[in-house]
């Protein structure tokens, strides 16, 4: 009976079901190994969890700090002025707020993070797409983008850097050139939710000096805690103030507030964790590339993008991995610009990857 519940769960538009839904529905009896949600396995440290536990009664009893406290904490971590930071309840709050003020049309490369497609469509904003191609390592060229803008009439461009789910990324110098060429646009949004794992410098400092650029970032991926719901934007003082006024009071919960204030105390561990993930990513790429029947692409994020050589086999593979091996993966059939042959696999340490590799070798014909 439980297996019958899986297909409706995975039919969700653009996104996967929650981990909790899947765990309740699968017939696998044991601890699931999650390669679906890309999360930092080397952060947070146990000491931070202990401090949250000790402070929990007060964190739940009282209202959290005001936004300026969170702004200062993030500004100190990323090295920008406080007045240029906007703190949010995850990047999705920023995406929704920004899209509500965009007249459009929007242009974005695909595949990409689903909310950059869903929200404009829900709000009736015209949106056009620029396909990423495997033969070009999923990179979008500056000239290609510049040609597409007048063809689509786009007034706003959204670029995920690194991209989700392909992991393709542009260097800071390329972003700088792109910003110079896109000056006539009303808005240029760079979503850097996965940049900490890339070794690429953030464009936040460039956004501060730009008239039309906003950098946004989710923090859950880097912190290792998606559930606290935290993110931020960086822009020039005028754009930051405008965006800040549109967000609700106390939009960051008490636990997230505590984590943001505590983060500077763990700066060294936080930074070191990204290098460890990057090393695991290269190890994982090498291991999975040795498996017949799957092509794995290089990535600048904390996940790998892969293509199954057997057309249309993604959903069946996803179900077998889950039901027989307790391994949860992200099959990309509901992502615009991808299909059911494509997988996104979160980067995990080598022992977990060995379990995934064994399961793939067992399940791929």
Protein backbone atom coordinates (compact mmCIF):
# COMPACT_ATOMS: atom_id res chain seq x y z
CA UNK A 1 0.00 0.00 0.00
CA UNK A 2 2.79 2.43 0.83
CA UNK A 3 4.39 2.03 -2.62
CA UNK A 4 1.10 3.14 -4.16
CA UNK A 5 1.48 6.46 -2.35
CA UNK A 6 4.86 7.30 -3.87
CA UNK A 7 3.79 8.25 -7.38
CA UNK A 8 1.37 11.01 -6.32
CA UNK A 9 4.04 12.41 -4.00
CA UNK A 10 6.57 12.68 -6.81
CA UNK A 11 4.03 14.22 -9.19
CA UNK A 12 4.39 17.55 -7.39
CA UNK A 13 4.93 20.44 -9.81
CA UNK A 14 8.56 21.69 -10.03
CA UNK A 15 9.69 20.37 -6.65
CA UNK A 16 10.13 17.15 -4.74
CA UNK A 17 7.89 16.15 -1.82
CA UNK A 18 9.24 16.83 1.64
CA UNK A 19 11.64 14.35 3.19
CA UNK A 20 9.03 13.64 5.87
CA UNK A 21 6.36 12.72 3.30
CA UNK A 22 8.72 10.34 1.54
CA UNK A 23 9.89 8.72 4.77
CA UNK A 24 6.29 8.09 5.79
CA UNK A 25 5.32 6.62 2.41
CA UNK A 26 8.22 4.32 1.54
CA UNK A 27 8.20 0.65 2.43
CA UNK A 28 11.95 0.74 3.11
CA UNK A 29 12.52 -0.14 6.74
CA UNK A 30 15.53 1.82 7.92
CA UNK A 31 17.28 5.20 7.86
CA UNK A 32 16.99 6.90 4.47
CA UNK A 33 20.12 8.21 2.79
CA UNK A 34 19.21 11.56 1.27
CA UNK A 35 20.90 12.53 -1.99
CA UNK A 36 17.92 14.70 -2.90
CA UNK A 37 18.27 17.78 -0.68
CA UNK A 38 21.67 19.47 -1.16
CA UNK A 39 22.82 20.38 2.32
CA UNK A 40 26.23 20.97 3.91
CA UNK A 41 27.18 17.73 5.76
CA UNK A 42 30.04 19.44 7.65
CA UNK A 43 28.08 22.22 9.30
CA UNK A 44 26.69 23.13 11.83
CA UNK A 45 29.07 22.01 14.59
CA UNK A 46 27.64 20.15 17.57
CA UNK A 47 28.43 23.09 19.85
CA UNK A 48 26.01 25.33 17.97
CA UNK A 49 23.25 22.73 18.31
CA UNK A 50 23.99 22.54 22.04
CA UNK A 51 23.73 26.32 22.41
CA UNK A 52 20.38 26.36 20.59
CA UNK A 53 19.07 23.59 22.83
CA UNK A 54 20.10 25.48 25.96
CA UNK A 55 18.52 28.70 24.69
CA UNK A 56 15.36 27.14 23.28
CA UNK A 57 12.92 28.17 26.05
CA UNK A 58 13.73 31.86 25.57
CA UNK A 59 13.94 31.57 21.77
CA UNK A 60 10.40 30.20 21.70
CA UNK A 61 9.03 32.54 24.36
CA UNK A 62 10.14 35.92 23.00
CA UNK A 63 9.94 37.76 19.71
CA UNK A 64 13.16 37.50 17.68
CA UNK A 65 15.52 40.42 17.10
CA UNK A 66 14.68 43.12 14.61
CA UNK A 67 16.08 43.06 11.08
CA UNK A 68 18.98 45.41 11.77
CA UNK A 69 20.54 42.86 14.15
CA UNK A 70 20.41 40.16 11.48
CA UNK A 71 21.71 42.57 8.85
CA UNK A 72 24.74 43.37 10.96
CA UNK A 73 25.53 39.69 11.53
CA UNK A 74 25.36 38.84 7.83
CA UNK A 75 27.21 42.00 6.80
CA UNK A 76 30.09 41.07 9.10
CA UNK A 77 30.25 37.59 7.58
CA UNK A 78 30.26 38.64 3.92
CA UNK A 79 32.12 41.92 4.23
CA UNK A 80 29.58 44.45 2.95
CA UNK A 81 27.96 47.47 4.63
CA UNK A 82 24.92 46.73 6.78
CA UNK A 83 22.67 49.10 4.84
CA UNK A 84 23.14 46.99 1.69
CA UNK A 85 21.84 43.76 3.29
CA UNK A 86 18.22 42.60 3.32
CA UNK A 87 17.46 39.60 5.55
CA UNK A 88 14.66 37.22 4.61
CA UNK A 89 12.83 34.03 5.48
CA UNK A 90 14.81 32.06 2.92
CA UNK A 91 15.49 33.06 -0.67
CA UNK A 92 11.93 32.18 -1.67
CA UNK A 93 10.57 35.16 0.29
CA UNK A 94 12.88 37.41 -1.71
CA UNK A 95 11.91 35.75 -5.00
CA UNK A 96 8.22 36.27 -4.27
CA UNK A 97 8.69 39.89 -3.19
CA UNK A 98 10.81 40.76 -6.22
CA UNK A 99 8.43 39.11 -8.68
CA UNK A 100 5.45 41.00 -7.29
CA UNK A 101 7.08 44.24 -8.45
CA UNK A 102 8.36 43.05 -11.82
CA UNK A 103 6.34 44.03 -14.86
CA UNK A 104 8.33 41.72 -17.10
CA UNK A 105 9.04 40.18 -19.39
CA UNK A 106 11.60 38.06 -17.53
CA UNK A 107 14.34 36.06 -19.19
CA UNK A 108 16.07 33.17 -17.39
CA UNK A 109 18.19 30.21 -18.49
CA UNK A 110 16.73 26.74 -17.89
CA UNK A 111 16.79 24.36 -16.16
CA UNK A 112 16.88 26.48 -13.03
CA UNK A 113 15.42 26.79 -9.54
CA UNK A 114 11.67 26.20 -9.90
CA UNK A 115 10.45 29.23 -7.97
CA UNK A 116 12.00 31.55 -10.56
CA UNK A 117 9.58 29.97 -13.03
CA UNK A 118 6.56 29.23 -10.85
CA UNK A 119 6.16 32.63 -9.19
CA UNK A 120 6.16 34.71 -12.40
CA UNK A 121 3.71 32.31 -14.01
CA UNK A 122 1.46 32.40 -10.93
CA UNK A 123 1.49 36.20 -11.07
CA UNK A 124 0.86 36.35 -14.82
CA UNK A 125 4.27 37.87 -15.62
CA UNK A 126 5.57 37.05 -19.11
CA UNK A 127 8.68 34.89 -18.91
CA UNK A 128 10.99 33.52 -21.59
CA UNK A 129 13.62 30.81 -21.35
CA UNK A 130 17.12 30.28 -22.66
CA UNK A 131 17.99 26.56 -22.74
CA UNK A 132 21.29 25.36 -21.30
CA UNK A 133 22.93 22.66 -23.43
CA UNK A 134 25.08 19.75 -22.35
CA UNK A 135 27.43 20.15 -25.32
CA UNK A 136 28.31 23.60 -23.94
CA UNK A 137 28.69 22.30 -20.37
CA UNK A 138 25.37 24.06 -19.60
CA UNK A 139 27.08 27.46 -19.71
CA UNK A 140 25.24 30.52 -20.99
CA UNK A 141 27.42 32.86 -23.04
CA UNK A 142 27.28 36.62 -22.64
CA UNK A 143 26.66 37.13 -26.35
CA UNK A 144 23.91 34.50 -26.34
CA UNK A 145 22.17 36.22 -23.47
CA UNK A 146 22.56 39.66 -25.01
CA UNK A 147 20.98 38.46 -28.27
CA UNK A 148 18.05 36.87 -26.42
CA UNK A 149 17.13 40.01 -24.47
CA UNK A 150 15.82 42.11 -27.41
CA UNK A 151 14.27 39.03 -29.02
CA UNK A 152 12.16 38.39 -25.92
CA UNK A 153 11.70 42.02 -24.91
CA UNK A 154 13.01 41.15 -21.45
CA UNK A 155 13.31 43.94 -18.90
CA UNK A 156 14.54 41.58 -16.18
CA UNK A 157 17.14 38.81 -16.32
CA UNK A 158 17.45 36.16 -13.60
CA UNK A 159 20.61 34.08 -13.45
CA UNK A 160 21.39 31.37 -10.89
CA UNK A 161 25.14 31.22 -10.33
CA UNK A 162 25.92 28.37 -9.80
CA UNK A 163 22.88 27.04 -11.57
CA UNK A 164 20.48 24.60 -9.97
CA UNK A 165 20.39 21.74 -11.07
CA UNK A 166 23.27 21.76 -13.59
CA UNK A 167 25.96 23.22 -11.32
CA UNK A 168 27.27 25.40 -14.18
CA UNK A 169 28.76 28.71 -13.05
CA UNK A 170 30.22 31.94 -14.38
CA UNK A 171 33.34 33.57 -12.95
CA UNK A 172 33.17 36.92 -11.20
CA UNK A 173 34.92 38.56 -14.16
CA UNK A 174 32.28 37.18 -16.53
CA UNK A 175 29.53 38.40 -14.20
CA UNK A 176 31.19 41.83 -14.14
CA UNK A 177 31.19 41.99 -17.94
CA UNK A 178 27.62 40.78 -18.05
CA UNK A 179 26.53 43.50 -15.62
CA UNK A 180 28.17 46.15 -17.77
CA UNK A 181 26.34 44.93 -20.85
CA UNK A 182 22.99 44.61 -19.05
CA UNK A 183 22.91 48.17 -17.69
CA UNK A 184 19.81 49.11 -19.77
CA UNK A 185 17.75 46.41 -18.02
CA UNK A 186 15.29 47.33 -15.28
CA UNK A 187 16.61 44.53 -13.08
CA UNK A 188 19.36 41.90 -13.10
CA UNK A 189 18.99 39.27 -10.34
CA UNK A 190 21.82 36.89 -9.51
CA UNK A 191 20.81 33.97 -7.31
CA UNK A 192 23.96 32.81 -5.51
CA UNK A 193 22.37 30.24 -3.23
CA UNK A 194 25.09 27.66 -3.94
CA UNK A 195 28.11 29.92 -4.45
CA UNK A 196 29.80 29.04 -1.16
CA UNK A 197 30.69 25.62 -2.57
CA UNK A 198 32.02 26.92 -5.89
CA UNK A 199 35.28 28.69 -5.09
CA UNK A 200 33.91 31.62 -7.13
CA UNK A 201 33.79 35.05 -5.55
CA UNK A 202 30.36 36.52 -4.90
CA UNK A 203 29.08 39.42 -6.99
CA UNK A 204 27.71 41.12 -3.84
CA UNK A 205 30.34 43.87 -3.92
CA UNK A 206 29.49 44.57 -7.56
CA UNK A 207 25.78 44.73 -6.81
CA UNK A 208 26.35 47.48 -4.24
CA UNK A 209 27.81 49.70 -6.97
CA UNK A 210 25.23 48.75 -9.60
CA UNK A 211 22.02 50.63 -10.36
CA UNK A 212 20.01 47.55 -11.34
CA UNK A 213 21.56 44.40 -9.80
CA UNK A 214 20.41 42.41 -6.80
CA UNK A 215 22.25 39.37 -5.46
CA UNK A 216 20.15 36.96 -3.41
CA UNK A 217 21.23 33.94 -1.40
CA UNK A 218 19.67 31.12 0.54
CA UNK A 219 21.57 30.23 3.72
CA UNK A 220 20.07 26.81 4.41
CA UNK A 221 22.37 25.03 1.96
CA UNK A 222 25.50 26.46 3.54
CA UNK A 223 24.37 26.23 7.15
CA UNK A 224 23.27 22.61 6.81
CA UNK A 225 19.84 23.55 8.16
CA UNK A 226 17.16 24.20 5.54
CA UNK A 227 14.51 24.15 8.23
CA UNK A 228 15.51 27.42 9.90
CA UNK A 229 14.51 29.38 6.75
CA UNK A 230 17.07 32.13 6.31
CA UNK A 231 18.43 34.06 3.35
CA UNK A 232 19.46 37.53 2.29
CA UNK A 233 19.84 39.97 -0.58
CA UNK A 234 22.57 42.50 -1.34
CA UNK A 235 21.96 45.59 -3.46
CA UNK A 236 22.68 49.29 -3.62
CA UNK A 237 21.32 51.29 -0.69
CA UNK A 238 18.23 52.48 -2.57
CA UNK A 239 17.20 49.03 -3.87
CA UNK A 240 17.95 47.40 -0.52
CA UNK A 241 15.76 49.91 1.33
CA UNK A 242 12.92 49.41 -1.16
CA UNK A 243 13.06 45.64 -0.82
CA UNK A 244 13.35 45.78 2.97
CA UNK A 245 10.16 47.84 3.25
CA UNK A 246 8.19 45.16 1.43
CA UNK A 247 9.09 42.36 3.84
CA UNK A 248 7.07 41.70 7.01
CA UNK A 249 8.23 42.45 10.53
CA UNK A 250 9.85 39.50 12.31
CA UNK A 251 10.17 37.57 9.07
CA UNK A 252 13.11 35.65 10.58
CA UNK A 253 12.15 33.23 13.35
CA UNK A 254 13.85 33.07 16.74
CA UNK A 255 16.01 30.02 16.02
CA UNK A 256 17.20 31.46 12.71
CA UNK A 257 17.91 34.74 14.50
CA UNK A 258 20.03 32.94 17.08
CA UNK A 259 21.98 31.09 14.37
CA UNK A 260 22.68 34.28 12.42
CA UNK A 261 23.97 36.06 15.51
CA UNK A 262 26.09 33.05 16.47
CA UNK A 263 27.55 32.42 13.02
CA UNK A 264 30.56 34.77 13.41
CA UNK A 265 31.66 32.60 16.36
CA UNK A 266 32.05 29.68 13.95
CA UNK A 267 33.56 31.52 10.99
CA UNK A 268 36.55 29.17 10.65
CA UNK A 269 34.43 25.99 10.76
CA UNK A 270 31.90 27.50 8.37
CA UNK A 271 34.53 28.42 5.77
CA UNK A 272 36.43 25.13 6.10
CA UNK A 273 33.26 23.12 5.53
CA UNK A 274 32.93 24.39 1.95
CA UNK A 275 36.39 23.13 0.99
CA UNK A 276 35.54 19.72 2.42
CA UNK A 277 32.35 19.57 0.34
CA UNK A 278 34.29 20.59 -2.78
CA UNK A 279 36.77 17.75 -2.21
CA UNK A 280 33.90 15.30 -1.73
CA UNK A 281 32.31 16.58 -4.94
CA UNK A 282 35.38 15.69 -7.02
CA UNK A 283 35.64 12.29 -5.36
CA UNK A 284 31.95 11.65 -5.97
CA UNK A 285 32.24 12.74 -9.61
CA UNK A 286 35.05 10.27 -10.20
CA UNK A 287 33.23 7.40 -8.47
CA UNK A 288 29.89 7.86 -10.22
CA UNK A 289 31.51 8.46 -13.63
CA UNK A 290 32.79 4.88 -13.48
CA UNK A 291 29.22 3.51 -13.47
CA UNK A 292 27.93 2.27 -16.81
CA UNK A 293 24.64 3.74 -17.91
CA UNK A 294 25.03 7.18 -16.34
CA UNK A 295 26.84 10.32 -17.50
CA UNK A 296 27.84 12.70 -14.71
CA UNK A 297 28.70 16.33 -15.36
CA UNK A 298 31.23 18.52 -13.50
CA UNK A 299 29.67 20.97 -11.04
CA UNK A 300 30.46 24.08 -9.01
CA UNK A 301 27.75 23.40 -6.41
CA UNK A 302 27.16 20.85 -3.66
CA UNK A 303 25.37 18.53 -6.06
CA UNK A 304 26.08 16.75 -9.34
CA UNK A 305 23.90 16.70 -12.44
CA UNK A 306 23.65 13.37 -14.25
CA UNK A 307 21.96 11.85 -17.29
CA UNK A 308 20.78 8.28 -17.56
CA UNK A 309 21.65 6.71 -20.90
CA UNK A 310 18.40 4.73 -20.94
CA UNK A 311 15.72 7.16 -22.03
CA UNK A 312 12.81 7.65 -19.62
CA UNK A 313 14.25 5.46 -16.88
CA UNK A 314 14.50 8.12 -14.15
CA UNK A 315 11.19 7.61 -12.30
CA UNK A 316 11.57 3.82 -12.15
CA UNK A 317 15.16 4.16 -10.94
CA UNK A 318 14.16 6.69 -8.30
CA UNK A 319 11.51 4.32 -6.94
CA UNK A 320 13.80 1.28 -6.89
CA UNK A 321 16.59 3.18 -5.16
CA UNK A 322 14.17 4.36 -2.51
CA UNK A 323 12.17 1.19 -1.95
CA UNK A 324 15.00 -1.35 -2.19
CA UNK A 325 18.01 0.59 -0.94
CA UNK A 326 16.64 3.48 1.11
CA UNK A 327 18.39 6.00 -1.16
CA UNK A 328 16.49 9.17 -2.07
CA UNK A 329 17.52 11.04 -5.23
CA UNK A 330 16.18 14.03 -7.18
CA UNK A 331 14.78 12.92 -10.53
CA UNK A 332 14.36 16.07 -12.67
CA UNK A 333 11.41 15.19 -14.88
CA UNK A 334 9.32 18.02 -13.40
CA UNK A 335 12.00 20.67 -14.01
CA UNK A 336 11.50 22.80 -17.11
CA UNK A 337 14.53 22.38 -19.35
CA UNK A 338 15.35 18.93 -17.97
CA UNK A 339 13.56 15.59 -18.31
CA UNK A 340 13.14 12.28 -16.53
CA UNK A 341 16.54 11.07 -17.78
CA UNK A 342 18.24 13.66 -15.57
CA UNK A 343 19.15 13.39 -11.90
CA UNK A 344 20.47 15.85 -9.34
CA UNK A 345 22.56 14.15 -6.67
CA UNK A 346 23.56 15.99 -3.50
CA UNK A 347 27.23 15.73 -2.59
CA UNK A 348 27.85 13.57 0.49
CA UNK A 349 30.99 12.05 2.06
CA UNK A 350 32.60 8.99 0.40
CA UNK A 351 30.99 6.28 2.59
CA UNK A 352 27.53 7.51 1.61
CA UNK A 353 28.58 7.76 -2.04
CA UNK A 354 29.70 4.12 -1.96
CA UNK A 355 26.22 3.11 -0.84
CA UNK A 356 24.72 5.19 -3.67
CA UNK A 357 27.14 3.74 -6.22
CA UNK A 358 26.34 0.17 -5.14
CA UNK A 359 22.60 0.88 -5.40
CA UNK A 360 22.98 2.46 -8.85
CA UNK A 361 25.01 -0.47 -10.12
CA UNK A 362 22.33 -2.84 -8.82
CA UNK A 363 19.43 -0.89 -10.35
CA UNK A 364 20.73 0.40 -13.69
CA UNK A 365 20.33 -2.17 -16.45
